[in-house]
Amino acid sequence: MWSSDNISVASVILANGKLIVLTENAHIYVVEANPEEYKELVVTKSIEARKHFWTAPVLCKGLLFVRNDRGTLLCIDLR
């Protein structure tokens, strides 16, 4: 329905009416799940430099788990 110039390759999950987007360059976007328009709610800088993130993030009880291409698992508290 829409696209963003900021996001090319990414994994996406839906949680509580919001899309949580993890780009391969380790940026996290929280986007309103609205087919009519693209509306960013939160944008983070790269959470870990010089690594690629290709797996889908996992959200559990407000904690976002992400894994990079070297197998390192990170936990980000979104509460």
PDB file of N, CA and C in Angstrom:
ATOM      1  N   MET A   1       0.810  -1.195   0.000  1.00  0.00           N
ATOM      2  CA  MET A   1       0.000   0.000   0.000  1.00  0.00           C
ATOM      3  C   MET A   1       0.858   1.267   0.000  1.00  0.00           C
ATOM      4  N   TRP A   2       2.024   1.215   0.668  1.00  0.00           N
ATOM      5  CA  TRP A   2       2.916   2.363   0.720  1.00  0.00           C
ATOM      6  C   TRP A   2       4.336   1.863   0.864  1.00  0.00           C
ATOM      7  N   SER A   3       5.289   2.764   0.730  1.00  0.00           N
ATOM      8  CA  SER A   3       6.700   2.403   0.887  1.00  0.00           C
ATOM      9  C   SER A   3       7.430   3.564   1.556  1.00  0.00           C
ATOM     10  N   SER A   4       8.655   3.285   1.956  1.00  0.00           N
ATOM     11  CA  SER A   4       9.492   4.303   2.589  1.00  0.00           C
ATOM     12  C   SER A   4      10.872   4.274   1.944  1.00  0.00           C
ATOM     13  N   ASP A   5      11.420   5.427   1.661  1.00  0.00           N
ATOM     14  CA  ASP A   5      12.779   5.496   1.120  1.00  0.00           C
ATOM     15  C   ASP A   5      13.817   5.107   2.166  1.00  0.00           C
ATOM     16  N   ASN A   6      13.454   5.150   3.446  1.00  0.00           N
ATOM     17  CA  ASN A   6      14.388   4.831   4.523  1.00  0.00           C
ATOM     18  C   ASN A   6      14.571   3.331   4.719  1.00  0.00           C
ATOM     19  N   ILE A   7      13.620   2.542   4.266  1.00  0.00           N
ATOM     20  CA  ILE A   7      13.636   1.105   4.523  1.00  0.00           C
ATOM     21  C   ILE A   7      13.730   0.361   3.204  1.00  0.00           C
ATOM     22  N   SER A   8      14.750  -0.503   3.094  1.00  0.00           N
ATOM     23  CA  SER A   8      14.848  -1.331   1.889  1.00  0.00           C
ATOM     24  C   SER A   8      14.630  -2.791   2.282  1.00  0.00           C
ATOM     25  N   VAL A   9      15.619  -3.431   2.851  1.00  0.00           N
ATOM     26  CA  VAL A   9      15.510  -4.821   3.282  1.00  0.00           C
ATOM     27  C   VAL A   9      15.232  -4.827   4.783  1.00  0.00           C
ATOM     28  N   ALA A  10      14.158  -5.521   5.201  1.00  0.00           N
ATOM     29  CA  ALA A  10      13.802  -5.510   6.615  1.00  0.00           C
ATOM     30  C   ALA A  10      12.925  -6.704   6.957  1.00  0.00           C
ATOM     31  N   SER A  11      12.876  -7.010   8.252  1.00  0.00           N
ATOM     32  CA  SER A  11      11.939  -7.986   8.799  1.00  0.00           C
ATOM     33  C   SER A  11      10.873  -7.209   9.542  1.00  0.00           C
ATOM     34  N   VAL A  12       9.639  -7.701   9.479  1.00  0.00           N
ATOM     35  CA  VAL A  12       8.514  -6.957  10.053  1.00  0.00           C
ATOM     36  C   VAL A  12       7.652  -7.882  10.889  1.00  0.00           C
ATOM     37  N   ILE A  13       7.232  -7.386  12.045  1.00  0.00           N
ATOM     38  CA  ILE A  13       6.225  -8.086  12.841  1.00  0.00           C
ATOM     39  C   ILE A  13       5.138  -7.080  13.208  1.00  0.00           C
ATOM     40  N   LEU A  14       3.945  -7.585  13.474  1.00  0.00           N
ATOM     41  CA  LEU A  14       2.811  -6.760  13.874  1.00  0.00           C
ATOM     42  C   LEU A  14       2.547  -6.988  15.353  1.00  0.00           C
ATOM     43  N   ALA A  15       2.445  -5.894  16.113  1.00  0.00           N
ATOM     44  CA  ALA A  15       2.172  -5.997  17.548  1.00  0.00           C
ATOM     45  C   ALA A  15       1.325  -4.814  17.982  1.00  0.00           C
ATOM     46  N   ASN A  16       0.160  -5.106  18.530  1.00  0.00           N
ATOM     47  CA  ASN A  16      -0.694  -4.072  19.107  1.00  0.00           C
ATOM     48  C   ASN A  16      -0.999  -2.933  18.127  1.00  0.00           C
ATOM     49  N   GLY A  17      -1.280  -3.290  16.875  1.00  0.00           N
ATOM     50  CA  GLY A  17      -1.626  -2.294  15.877  1.00  0.00           C
ATOM     51  C   GLY A  17      -0.453  -1.503  15.330  1.00  0.00           C
ATOM     52  N   LYS A  18       0.751  -1.971  15.611  1.00  0.00           N
ATOM     53  CA  LYS A  18       1.952  -1.294  15.117  1.00  0.00           C
ATOM     54  C   LYS A  18       2.855  -2.303  14.421  1.00  0.00           C
ATOM     55  N   LEU A  19       3.551  -1.831  13.399  1.00  0.00           N
ATOM     56  CA  LEU A  19       4.555  -2.646  12.729  1.00  0.00           C
ATOM     57  C   LEU A  19       5.900  -2.354  13.365  1.00  0.00           C
ATOM     58  N   ILE A  20       6.607  -3.396  13.769  1.00  0.00           N
ATOM     59  CA  ILE A  20       7.970  -3.243  14.266  1.00  0.00           C
ATOM     60  C   ILE A  20       8.873  -3.733  13.145  1.00  0.00           C
ATOM     61  N   VAL A  21       9.675  -2.827  12.625  1.00  0.00           N
ATOM     62  CA  VAL A  21      10.489  -3.086  11.444  1.00  0.00           C
ATOM     63  C   VAL A  21      11.959  -3.064  11.849  1.00  0.00           C
ATOM     64  N   LEU A  22      12.658  -4.162  11.582  1.00  0.00           N
ATOM     65  CA  LEU A  22      14.093  -4.257  11.852  1.00  0.00           C
ATOM     66  C   LEU A  22      14.802  -4.327  10.511  1.00  0.00           C
ATOM     67  N   THR A  23      15.579  -3.285  10.185  1.00  0.00           N
ATOM     68  CA  THR A  23      16.288  -3.281   8.904  1.00  0.00           C
ATOM     69  C   THR A  23      17.554  -4.112   9.004  1.00  0.00           C
ATOM     70  N   GLU A  24      18.073  -4.500   7.857  1.00  0.00           N
ATOM     71  CA  GLU A  24      19.309  -5.291   7.859  1.00  0.00           C
ATOM     72  C   GLU A  24      20.476  -4.510   8.441  1.00  0.00           C
ATOM     73  N   ASN A  25      20.384  -3.187   8.470  1.00  0.00           N
ATOM     74  CA  ASN A  25      21.441  -2.345   9.031  1.00  0.00           C
ATOM     75  C   ASN A  25      21.201  -2.000  10.492  1.00  0.00           C
ATOM     76  N   ALA A  26      20.287  -2.723  11.135  1.00  0.00           N
ATOM     77  CA  ALA A  26      20.036  -2.633  12.574  1.00  0.00           C
ATOM     78  C   ALA A  26      19.344  -1.351  13.023  1.00  0.00           C
ATOM     79  N   HIS A  27      18.537  -0.778  12.164  1.00  0.00           N
ATOM     80  CA  HIS A  27      17.670   0.322  12.579  1.00  0.00           C
ATOM     81  C   HIS A  27      16.307  -0.285  12.925  1.00  0.00           C
ATOM     82  N   ILE A  28      15.658   0.270  13.929  1.00  0.00           N
ATOM     83  CA  ILE A  28      14.326  -0.193  14.295  1.00  0.00           C
ATOM     84  C   ILE A  28      13.344   0.945  14.064  1.00  0.00           C
ATOM     85  N   TYR A  29      12.269   0.630  13.349  1.00  0.00           N
ATOM     86  CA  TYR A  29      11.187   1.578  13.094  1.00  0.00           C
ATOM     87  C   TYR A  29       9.916   0.995  13.705  1.00  0.00           C
ATOM     88  N   VAL A  30       9.179   1.813  14.400  1.00  0.00           N
ATOM     89  CA  VAL A  30       7.833   1.446  14.822  1.00  0.00           C
ATOM     90  C   VAL A  30       6.904   2.310  13.981  1.00  0.00           C
ATOM     91  N   VAL A  31       6.048   1.646  13.223  1.00  0.00           N
ATOM     92  CA  VAL A  31       5.213   2.317  12.236  1.00  0.00           C
ATOM     93  C   VAL A  31       3.751   1.984  12.522  1.00  0.00           C
ATOM     94  N   GLU A  32       2.902   2.971  12.391  1.00  0.00           N
ATOM     95  CA  GLU A  32       1.471   2.737  12.550  1.00  0.00           C
ATOM     96  C   GLU A  32       0.998   1.778  11.459  1.00  0.00           C
ATOM     97  N   ALA A  33       0.264   0.746  11.849  1.00  0.00           N
ATOM     98  CA  ALA A  33      -0.255  -0.228  10.883  1.00  0.00           C
ATOM     99  C   ALA A  33      -1.511   0.348  10.238  1.00  0.00           C
ATOM    100  N   ASN A  34      -1.302   1.214   9.261  1.00  0.00           N
ATOM    101  CA  ASN A  34      -2.375   1.926   8.602  1.00  0.00           C
ATOM    102  C   ASN A  34      -2.166   1.817   7.091  1.00  0.00           C
ATOM    103  N   PRO A  35      -3.069   1.162   6.371  1.00  0.00           N
ATOM    104  CA  PRO A  35      -2.865   1.006   4.932  1.00  0.00           C
ATOM    105  C   PRO A  35      -2.994   2.313   4.151  1.00  0.00           C
ATOM    106  N   GLU A  36      -3.544   3.344   4.753  1.00  0.00           N
ATOM    107  CA  GLU A  36      -3.763   4.607   4.056  1.00  0.00           C
ATOM    108  C   GLU A  36      -2.514   5.481   3.962  1.00  0.00           C
ATOM    109  N   GLU A  37      -1.654   5.420   5.003  1.00  0.00           N
ATOM    110  CA  GLU A  37      -0.467   6.277   4.993  1.00  0.00           C
ATOM    111  C   GLU A  37       0.658   5.668   5.814  1.00  0.00           C
ATOM    112  N   TYR A  38       1.878   6.064   5.496  1.00  0.00           N
ATOM    113  CA  TYR A  38       3.061   5.649   6.236  1.00  0.00           C
ATOM    114  C   TYR A  38       3.308   6.669   7.342  1.00  0.00           C
ATOM    115  N   LYS A  39       3.268   6.215   8.594  1.00  0.00           N
ATOM    116  CA  LYS A  39       3.471   7.121   9.713  1.00  0.00           C
ATOM    117  C   LYS A  39       4.423   6.481  10.714  1.00  0.00           C
ATOM    118  N   GLU A  40       5.660   7.007  10.767  1.00  0.00           N
ATOM    119  CA  GLU A  40       6.639   6.516  11.723  1.00  0.00           C
ATOM    120  C   GLU A  40       6.307   7.056  13.107  1.00  0.00           C
ATOM    121  N   LEU A  41       6.311   6.159  14.090  1.00  0.00           N
ATOM    122  CA  LEU A  41       6.077   6.559  15.468  1.00  0.00           C
ATOM    123  C   LEU A  41       7.385   6.653  16.244  1.00  0.00           C
ATOM    124  N   VAL A  42       8.303   5.717  15.957  1.00  0.00           N
ATOM    125  CA  VAL A  42       9.612   5.679  16.630  1.00  0.00           C
ATOM    126  C   VAL A  42      10.651   5.231  15.610  1.00  0.00           C
ATOM    127  N   VAL A  43      11.820   5.850  15.650  1.00  0.00           N
ATOM    128  CA  VAL A  43      12.954   5.434  14.822  1.00  0.00           C
ATOM    129  C   VAL A  43      14.186   5.398  15.711  1.00  0.00           C
ATOM    130  N   THR A  44      14.955   4.311  15.622  1.00  0.00           N
ATOM    131  CA  THR A  44      16.205   4.230  16.378  1.00  0.00           C
ATOM    132  C   THR A  44      17.383   4.308  15.422  1.00  0.00           C
ATOM    133  N   LYS A  45      18.502   4.686  15.960  1.00  0.00           N
ATOM    134  CA  LYS A  45      19.754   4.585  15.206  1.00  0.00           C
ATOM    135  C   LYS A  45      20.167   3.122  15.197  1.00  0.00           C
ATOM    136  N   SER A  46      21.222   2.822  14.495  1.00  0.00           N
ATOM    137  CA  SER A  46      21.720   1.456  14.428  1.00  0.00           C
ATOM    138  C   SER A  46      22.012   0.944  15.830  1.00  0.00           C
ATOM    139  N   ILE A  47      21.477  -0.227  16.153  1.00  0.00           N
ATOM    140  CA  ILE A  47      21.685  -0.776  17.491  1.00  0.00           C
ATOM    141  C   ILE A  47      23.015  -1.504  17.620  1.00  0.00           C
ATOM    142  N   GLU A  48      23.618  -1.878  16.510  1.00  0.00           N
ATOM    143  CA  GLU A  48      24.917  -2.543  16.547  1.00  0.00           C
ATOM    144  C   GLU A  48      25.588  -2.344  15.191  1.00  0.00           C
ATOM    145  N   ALA A  49      26.688  -1.656  15.190  1.00  0.00           N
ATOM    146  CA  ALA A  49      27.350  -1.287  13.935  1.00  0.00           C
ATOM    147  C   ALA A  49      28.032  -2.486  13.272  1.00  0.00           C
ATOM    148  N   ARG A  50      28.148  -2.406  11.965  1.00  0.00           N
ATOM    149  CA  ARG A  50      28.904  -3.346  11.128  1.00  0.00           C
ATOM    150  C   ARG A  50      28.412  -4.792  11.200  1.00  0.00           C
ATOM    151  N   LYS A  51      27.160  -4.977  11.516  1.00  0.00           N
ATOM    152  CA  LYS A  51      26.593  -6.324  11.508  1.00  0.00           C
ATOM    153  C   LYS A  51      25.259  -6.266  10.776  1.00  0.00           C
ATOM    154  N   HIS A  52      24.848  -7.409  10.262  1.00  0.00           N
ATOM    155  CA  HIS A  52      23.589  -7.474   9.528  1.00  0.00           C
ATOM    156  C   HIS A  52      22.546  -8.221  10.357  1.00  0.00           C
ATOM    157  N   PHE A  53      21.311  -7.768  10.253  1.00  0.00           N
ATOM    158  CA  PHE A  53      20.194  -8.385  10.954  1.00  0.00           C
ATOM    159  C   PHE A  53      19.203  -8.858   9.910  1.00  0.00           C
ATOM    160  N   TRP A  54      19.112 -10.187   9.732  1.00  0.00           N
ATOM    161  CA  TRP A  54      18.257 -10.744   8.691  1.00  0.00           C
ATOM    162  C   TRP A  54      17.099 -11.557   9.249  1.00  0.00           C
ATOM    163  N   THR A  55      17.127 -11.906  10.520  1.00  0.00           N
ATOM    164  CA  THR A  55      16.047 -12.707  11.079  1.00  0.00           C
ATOM    165  C   THR A  55      14.943 -11.807  11.619  1.00  0.00           C
ATOM    166  N   ALA A  56      13.735 -12.324  11.664  1.00  0.00           N
ATOM    167  CA  ALA A  56      12.617 -11.547  12.186  1.00  0.00           C
ATOM    168  C   ALA A  56      12.786 -11.319  13.686  1.00  0.00           C
ATOM    169  N   PRO A  57      12.482 -10.125  14.157  1.00  0.00           N
ATOM    170  CA  PRO A  57      12.532  -9.879  15.597  1.00  0.00           C
ATOM    171  C   PRO A  57      11.401 -10.641  16.299  1.00  0.00           C
ATOM    172  N   VAL A  58      11.575 -10.839  17.588  1.00  0.00           N
ATOM    173  CA  VAL A  58      10.562 -11.512  18.397  1.00  0.00           C
ATOM    174  C   VAL A  58      10.210 -10.591  19.558  1.00  0.00           C
ATOM    175  N   LEU A  59       8.923 -10.390  19.789  1.00  0.00           N
ATOM    176  CA  LEU A  59       8.455  -9.540  20.876  1.00  0.00           C
ATOM    177  C   LEU A  59       7.759 -10.405  21.912  1.00  0.00           C
ATOM    178  N   CYS A  60       8.176 -10.276  23.179  1.00  0.00           N
ATOM    179  CA  CYS A  60       7.578 -11.041  24.263  1.00  0.00           C
ATOM    180  C   CYS A  60       7.531 -10.170  25.515  1.00  0.00           C
ATOM    181  N   LYS A  61       6.337  -9.841  25.975  1.00  0.00           N
ATOM    182  CA  LYS A  61       6.129  -9.071  27.203  1.00  0.00           C
ATOM    183  C   LYS A  61       6.896  -7.753  27.199  1.00  0.00           C
ATOM    184  N   GLY A  62       6.910  -7.084  26.052  1.00  0.00           N
ATOM    185  CA  GLY A  62       7.564  -5.788  25.940  1.00  0.00           C
ATOM    186  C   GLY A  62       9.053  -5.843  25.669  1.00  0.00           C
ATOM    187  N   LEU A  63       9.598  -7.036  25.530  1.00  0.00           N
ATOM    188  CA  LEU A  63      11.024  -7.191  25.225  1.00  0.00           C
ATOM    189  C   LEU A  63      11.169  -7.627  23.771  1.00  0.00           C
ATOM    190  N   LEU A  64      11.995  -6.900  23.032  1.00  0.00           N
ATOM    191  CA  LEU A  64      12.231  -7.205  21.624  1.00  0.00           C
ATOM    192  C   LEU A  64      13.568  -7.917  21.500  1.00  0.00           C
ATOM    193  N   PHE A  65      13.536  -9.131  20.956  1.00  0.00           N
ATOM    194  CA  PHE A  65      14.748  -9.925  20.772  1.00  0.00           C
ATOM    195  C   PHE A  65      15.142  -9.887  19.303  1.00  0.00           C
ATOM    196  N   VAL A  66      16.403  -9.553  19.042  1.00  0.00           N
ATOM    197  CA  VAL A  66      16.926  -9.513  17.677  1.00  0.00           C
ATOM    198  C   VAL A  66      18.257 -10.256  17.643  1.00  0.00           C
ATOM    199  N   ARG A  67      18.546 -10.870  16.484  1.00  0.00           N
ATOM    200  CA  ARG A  67      19.785 -11.628  16.339  1.00  0.00           C
ATOM    201  C   ARG A  67      20.499 -11.179  15.075  1.00  0.00           C
ATOM    202  N   ASN A  68      21.807 -10.986  15.182  1.00  0.00           N
ATOM    203  CA  ASN A  68      22.564 -10.547  14.011  1.00  0.00           C
ATOM    204  C   ASN A  68      23.130 -11.739  13.249  1.00  0.00           C
ATOM    205  N   ASP A  69      23.832 -11.447  12.154  1.00  0.00           N
ATOM    206  CA  ASP A  69      24.362 -12.500  11.290  1.00  0.00           C
ATOM    207  C   ASP A  69      25.484 -13.302  11.932  1.00  0.00           C
ATOM    208  N   ARG A  70      25.999 -12.857  13.047  1.00  0.00           N
ATOM    209  CA  ARG A  70      27.045 -13.592  13.762  1.00  0.00           C
ATOM    210  C   ARG A  70      26.472 -14.406  14.921  1.00  0.00           C
ATOM    211  N   GLY A  71      25.159 -14.381  15.082  1.00  0.00           N
ATOM    212  CA  GLY A  71      24.509 -15.187  16.099  1.00  0.00           C
ATOM    213  C   GLY A  71      24.327 -14.508  17.446  1.00  0.00           C
ATOM    214  N   THR A  72      24.737 -13.255  17.556  1.00  0.00           N
ATOM    215  CA  THR A  72      24.580 -12.531  18.813  1.00  0.00           C
ATOM    216  C   THR A  72      23.118 -12.145  18.994  1.00  0.00           C
ATOM    217  N   LEU A  73      22.564 -12.485  20.151  1.00  0.00           N
ATOM    218  CA  LEU A  73      21.185 -12.158  20.471  1.00  0.00           C
ATOM    219  C   LEU A  73      21.162 -10.924  21.360  1.00  0.00           C
ATOM    220  N   LEU A  74      20.360  -9.939  20.963  1.00  0.00           N
ATOM    221  CA  LEU A  74      20.209  -8.717  21.747  1.00  0.00           C
ATOM    222  C   LEU A  74      18.779  -8.604  22.220  1.00  0.00           C
ATOM    223  N   CYS A  75      18.591  -7.994  23.387  1.00  0.00           N
ATOM    224  CA  CYS A  75      17.267  -7.785  23.938  1.00  0.00           C
ATOM    225  C   CYS A  75      17.091  -6.289  24.173  1.00  0.00           C
ATOM    226  N   ILE A  76      16.001  -5.735  23.636  1.00  0.00           N
ATOM    227  CA  ILE A  76      15.719  -4.316  23.773  1.00  0.00           C
ATOM    228  C   ILE A  76      14.400  -4.169  24.531  1.00  0.00           C
ATOM    229  N   ASP A  77      14.433  -3.447  25.634  1.00  0.00           N
ATOM    230  CA  ASP A  77      13.246  -3.264  26.454  1.00  0.00           C
ATOM    231  C   ASP A  77      12.395  -2.145  25.846  1.00  0.00           C
ATOM    232  N   LEU A  78      11.227  -2.472  25.328  1.00  0.00           N
ATOM    233  CA  LEU A  78      10.336  -1.493  24.710  1.00  0.00           C
ATOM    234  C   LEU A  78       9.261  -1.001  25.670  1.00  0.00           C
ATOM    235  N   ARG A  79       9.274  -1.534  26.890  1.00  0.00           N
ATOM    236  CA  ARG A  79       8.250  -1.110  27.847  1.00  0.00           C
ATOM    237  C   ARG A  79       8.466   0.302  28.259  1.00  0.00           C
TER     238      ARG A  79
END
